[in-house]
């Protein structure tokens, strides 16, 4: 998965189904962890209430994405 590669949800599902060694899943989880760290650092940096709300929702979305990828069969 390249830095600027964009894929559809259908393509991602196909890649996860074909991912026999788990490397694609691990790559996705690594990228999500990077995004989560960025969001956490922004939240911890002190945001106004609107910014906090936006980043908190993004944090929740990333956690849901992580759970979905972990549990995808």
Protein backbone atom coordinates (compact mmCIF):
# COMPACT_ATOMS: atom_id res chain seq x y z
CA UNK A 1 0.00 0.00 0.00
CA UNK A 2 1.70 3.16 -1.20
CA UNK A 3 1.64 6.44 0.65
CA UNK A 4 -0.88 8.06 -1.68
CA UNK A 5 -2.69 4.93 -2.80
CA UNK A 6 -6.44 5.23 -2.54
CA UNK A 7 -8.61 2.17 -2.61
CA UNK A 8 -12.32 1.57 -2.26
CA UNK A 9 -13.85 -0.31 0.63
CA UNK A 10 -14.60 -3.20 -1.73
CA UNK A 11 -10.94 -3.36 -2.77
CA UNK A 12 -9.85 -3.30 0.85
CA UNK A 13 -12.21 -6.14 1.69
CA UNK A 14 -10.85 -8.17 -1.22
CA UNK A 15 -7.27 -7.53 -0.13
CA UNK A 16 -8.09 -8.57 3.44
CA UNK A 17 -9.77 -11.76 2.20
CA UNK A 18 -6.73 -12.57 0.05
CA UNK A 19 -4.27 -11.69 2.84
CA UNK A 20 -3.14 -15.21 3.76
CA UNK A 21 -0.07 -14.16 5.77
CA UNK A 22 -1.71 -11.19 7.53
CA UNK A 23 0.77 -8.64 6.18
CA UNK A 24 -1.88 -6.39 4.63
CA UNK A 25 -3.91 -6.40 7.85
CA UNK A 26 -0.79 -5.50 9.83
CA UNK A 27 0.01 -2.70 7.39
CA UNK A 28 -3.48 -1.23 7.83
CA UNK A 29 -3.27 -1.52 11.62
CA UNK A 30 0.14 0.17 11.62
CA UNK A 31 -1.21 3.08 9.57
CA UNK A 32 -4.22 3.41 11.88
CA UNK A 33 -1.89 3.42 14.91
CA UNK A 34 0.06 6.29 13.32
CA UNK A 35 -3.15 8.26 12.81
CA UNK A 36 -4.26 7.46 16.36
CA UNK A 37 -0.96 8.75 17.76
CA UNK A 38 -1.33 11.98 15.77
CA UNK A 39 -4.90 12.48 17.01
CA UNK A 40 -3.88 11.74 20.61
CA UNK A 41 -1.07 14.29 20.43
CA UNK A 42 -3.45 16.91 19.07
CA UNK A 43 -5.98 16.23 21.83
CA UNK A 44 -3.24 16.41 24.46
CA UNK A 45 -1.90 19.67 23.02
CA UNK A 46 -4.93 21.56 24.23
CA UNK A 47 -7.74 22.35 21.84
CA UNK A 48 -10.69 24.67 21.97
CA UNK A 49 -14.00 22.87 22.66
CA UNK A 50 -14.89 22.59 18.96
CA UNK A 51 -11.45 21.22 18.06
CA UNK A 52 -11.59 18.78 20.96
CA UNK A 53 -14.98 17.52 19.80
CA UNK A 54 -13.74 17.05 16.23
CA UNK A 55 -10.59 15.18 17.26
CA UNK A 56 -12.46 13.11 19.83
CA UNK A 57 -14.88 11.95 17.11
CA UNK A 58 -11.94 11.17 14.86
CA UNK A 59 -10.37 9.18 17.71
CA UNK A 60 -13.57 7.14 18.06
CA UNK A 61 -13.75 6.56 14.30
CA UNK A 62 -10.16 5.32 14.20
CA UNK A 63 -10.84 2.93 17.09
CA UNK A 64 -13.90 1.59 15.26
CA UNK A 65 -11.86 1.15 12.08
CA UNK A 66 -9.19 -0.73 14.05
CA UNK A 67 -11.79 -3.04 15.61
CA UNK A 68 -13.34 -3.68 12.20
CA UNK A 69 -10.01 -4.63 10.63
CA UNK A 70 -9.03 -6.85 13.56
CA UNK A 71 -12.35 -8.71 13.44
CA UNK A 72 -12.71 -8.90 9.66
CA UNK A 73 -12.98 -12.50 8.50
